[in-house]
Amino acid sequence: MEIDPTQLTEQVRGLLAEALHVPHEAVTDGLAFGDLPEWDSMGHMEVMVLLEERYGVEISADTIANLTSVEGILAYLKENGHA
């Protein structure tokens, strides 16, 4: 399921906004774990669950620690064939 990179960025920003219960505008391309009070450890797990559900990827415990920014999430999805 290959997606245009710009479209993938918008999808990831929307997913983060949904998982963290914040307005879409609050999720910038440079957003990282801890930048918003909502992106704490519980919010991070919400993000991981939605990523697994939406993109059909399996996220290991090691991977969770690396997916702490919009940029990191996009790189992971691209590595796994989504762009």
C-alpha atoms as a PDB file:
ATOM      1  CA  MET A   1       0.000   0.000   0.000  1.00  0.00           C
ATOM      2  CA  GLU A   2       2.304   2.745  -1.225  1.00  0.00           C
ATOM      3  CA  ILE A   3       1.268   6.306  -0.415  1.00  0.00           C
ATOM      4  CA  ASP A   4       2.525   9.649  -1.694  1.00  0.00           C
ATOM      5  CA  PRO A   5       5.021  11.014   0.895  1.00  0.00           C
ATOM      6  CA  THR A   6       3.072  14.269   1.342  1.00  0.00           C
ATOM      7  CA  GLN A   7      -0.136  12.319   1.837  1.00  0.00           C
ATOM      8  CA  LEU A   8       1.610  10.013   4.327  1.00  0.00           C
ATOM      9  CA  THR A   9       2.834  13.012   6.334  1.00  0.00           C
ATOM     10  CA  GLU A  10      -0.710  14.383   6.528  1.00  0.00           C
ATOM     11  CA  GLN A  11      -2.057  10.957   7.537  1.00  0.00           C
ATOM     12  CA  VAL A  12       0.531  10.621  10.312  1.00  0.00           C
ATOM     13  CA  ARG A  13      -0.189  14.135  11.574  1.00  0.00           C
ATOM     14  CA  GLY A  14      -3.903  13.298  11.625  1.00  0.00           C
ATOM     15  CA  LEU A  15      -3.255  10.020  13.419  1.00  0.00           C
ATOM     16  CA  LEU A  16      -1.188  11.797  16.082  1.00  0.00           C
ATOM     17  CA  ALA A  17      -3.883  14.451  16.545  1.00  0.00           C
ATOM     18  CA  GLU A  18      -6.488  11.713  16.963  1.00  0.00           C
ATOM     19  CA  ALA A  19      -4.404   9.569  19.327  1.00  0.00           C
ATOM     20  CA  LEU A  20      -3.337  12.507  21.470  1.00  0.00           C
ATOM     21  CA  HIS A  21      -6.742  14.231  21.395  1.00  0.00           C
ATOM     22  CA  VAL A  22      -5.289  17.536  20.176  1.00  0.00           C
ATOM     23  CA  PRO A  23      -6.213  19.797  17.231  1.00  0.00           C
ATOM     24  CA  HIS A  24      -4.581  18.837  13.922  1.00  0.00           C
ATOM     25  CA  GLU A  25      -2.830  22.226  13.887  1.00  0.00           C
ATOM     26  CA  ALA A  26      -0.985  21.261  17.104  1.00  0.00           C
ATOM     27  CA  VAL A  27       0.819  18.461  15.253  1.00  0.00           C
ATOM     28  CA  THR A  28       3.677  19.970  13.280  1.00  0.00           C
ATOM     29  CA  ASP A  29       6.215  18.119  11.150  1.00  0.00           C
ATOM     30  CA  GLY A  30       8.848  18.708  13.849  1.00  0.00           C
ATOM     31  CA  LEU A  31       6.726  17.469  16.766  1.00  0.00           C
ATOM     32  CA  ALA A  32       8.379  14.997  19.127  1.00  0.00           C
ATOM     33  CA  PHE A  33       7.531  13.033  22.255  1.00  0.00           C
ATOM     34  CA  GLY A  34       7.154  15.402  25.195  1.00  0.00           C
ATOM     35  CA  ASP A  35       6.569  18.525  23.089  1.00  0.00           C
ATOM     36  CA  LEU A  36       2.882  18.405  24.019  1.00  0.00           C
ATOM     37  CA  PRO A  37       1.637  17.462  27.502  1.00  0.00           C
ATOM     38  CA  GLU A  38      -0.656  14.931  25.787  1.00  0.00           C
ATOM     39  CA  TRP A  39       2.309  13.086  24.236  1.00  0.00           C
ATOM     40  CA  ASP A  40       3.360  11.399  27.437  1.00  0.00           C
ATOM     41  CA  SER A  41       3.893   7.667  27.960  1.00  0.00           C
ATOM     42  CA  MET A  42       0.148   6.909  27.839  1.00  0.00           C
ATOM     43  CA  GLY A  43      -0.328   9.073  24.760  1.00  0.00           C
ATOM     44  CA  HIS A  44       2.641   7.336  23.137  1.00  0.00           C
ATOM     45  CA  MET A  45       0.981   3.938  23.573  1.00  0.00           C
ATOM     46  CA  GLU A  46      -2.204   5.313  21.959  1.00  0.00           C
ATOM     47  CA  VAL A  47      -0.088   6.427  18.996  1.00  0.00           C
ATOM     48  CA  MET A  48       1.553   2.981  18.708  1.00  0.00           C
ATOM     49  CA  VAL A  49      -1.790   1.155  18.807  1.00  0.00           C
ATOM     50  CA  LEU A  50      -3.239   3.373  16.076  1.00  0.00           C
ATOM     51  CA  LEU A  51      -0.114   2.934  13.920  1.00  0.00           C
ATOM     52  CA  GLU A  52      -0.437  -0.852  14.180  1.00  0.00           C
ATOM     53  CA  GLU A  53      -4.166  -0.759  13.378  1.00  0.00           C
ATOM     54  CA  ARG A  54      -3.982   1.706  10.471  1.00  0.00           C
ATOM     55  CA  TYR A  55      -0.821   0.522   8.767  1.00  0.00           C
ATOM     56  CA  GLY A  56      -0.763  -3.174   9.648  1.00  0.00           C
ATOM     57  CA  VAL A  57       2.734  -2.926  11.107  1.00  0.00           C
ATOM     58  CA  GLU A  58       3.912  -4.767  14.180  1.00  0.00           C
ATOM     59  CA  ILE A  59       5.759  -2.480  16.544  1.00  0.00           C
ATOM     60  CA  SER A  60       8.198  -4.184  18.894  1.00  0.00           C
ATOM     61  CA  ALA A  61       9.251  -2.856  22.290  1.00  0.00           C
ATOM     62  CA  ASP A  62      12.575  -1.753  20.781  1.00  0.00           C
ATOM     63  CA  THR A  63      10.823   0.068  17.950  1.00  0.00           C
ATOM     64  CA  ILE A  64       8.478   1.922  20.318  1.00  0.00           C
ATOM     65  CA  ALA A  65      11.472   3.747  21.798  1.00  0.00           C
ATOM     66  CA  ASN A  66      12.524   4.961  18.334  1.00  0.00           C
ATOM     67  CA  LEU A  67       9.125   6.240  17.187  1.00  0.00           C
ATOM     68  CA  THR A  68       9.209   9.425  19.226  1.00  0.00           C
ATOM     69  CA  SER A  69       8.771  12.066  16.529  1.00  0.00           C
ATOM     70  CA  VAL A  70       6.749  12.730  13.404  1.00  0.00           C
ATOM     71  CA  GLU A  71       9.989  12.309  11.456  1.00  0.00           C
ATOM     72  CA  GLY A  72      10.808   8.982  13.131  1.00  0.00           C
ATOM     73  CA  ILE A  73       7.321   7.603  12.528  1.00  0.00           C
ATOM     74  CA  LEU A  74       7.437   8.627   8.862  1.00  0.00           C
ATOM     75  CA  ALA A  75      10.863   7.009   8.412  1.00  0.00           C
ATOM     76  CA  TYR A  76       9.602   3.786  10.009  1.00  0.00           C
ATOM     77  CA  LEU A  77       6.511   3.652   7.783  1.00  0.00           C
ATOM     78  CA  LYS A  78       8.625   4.341   4.678  1.00  0.00           C
ATOM     79  CA  GLU A  79      11.037   1.550   5.658  1.00  0.00           C
ATOM     80  CA  ASN A  80       8.041  -0.753   5.930  1.00  0.00           C
ATOM     81  CA  GLY A  81       6.746  -0.007   2.448  1.00  0.00           C
ATOM     82  CA  HIS A  82       4.171   2.701   3.057  1.00  0.00           C
ATOM     83  CA  ALA A  83       5.718   5.409   0.883  1.00  0.00           C
END
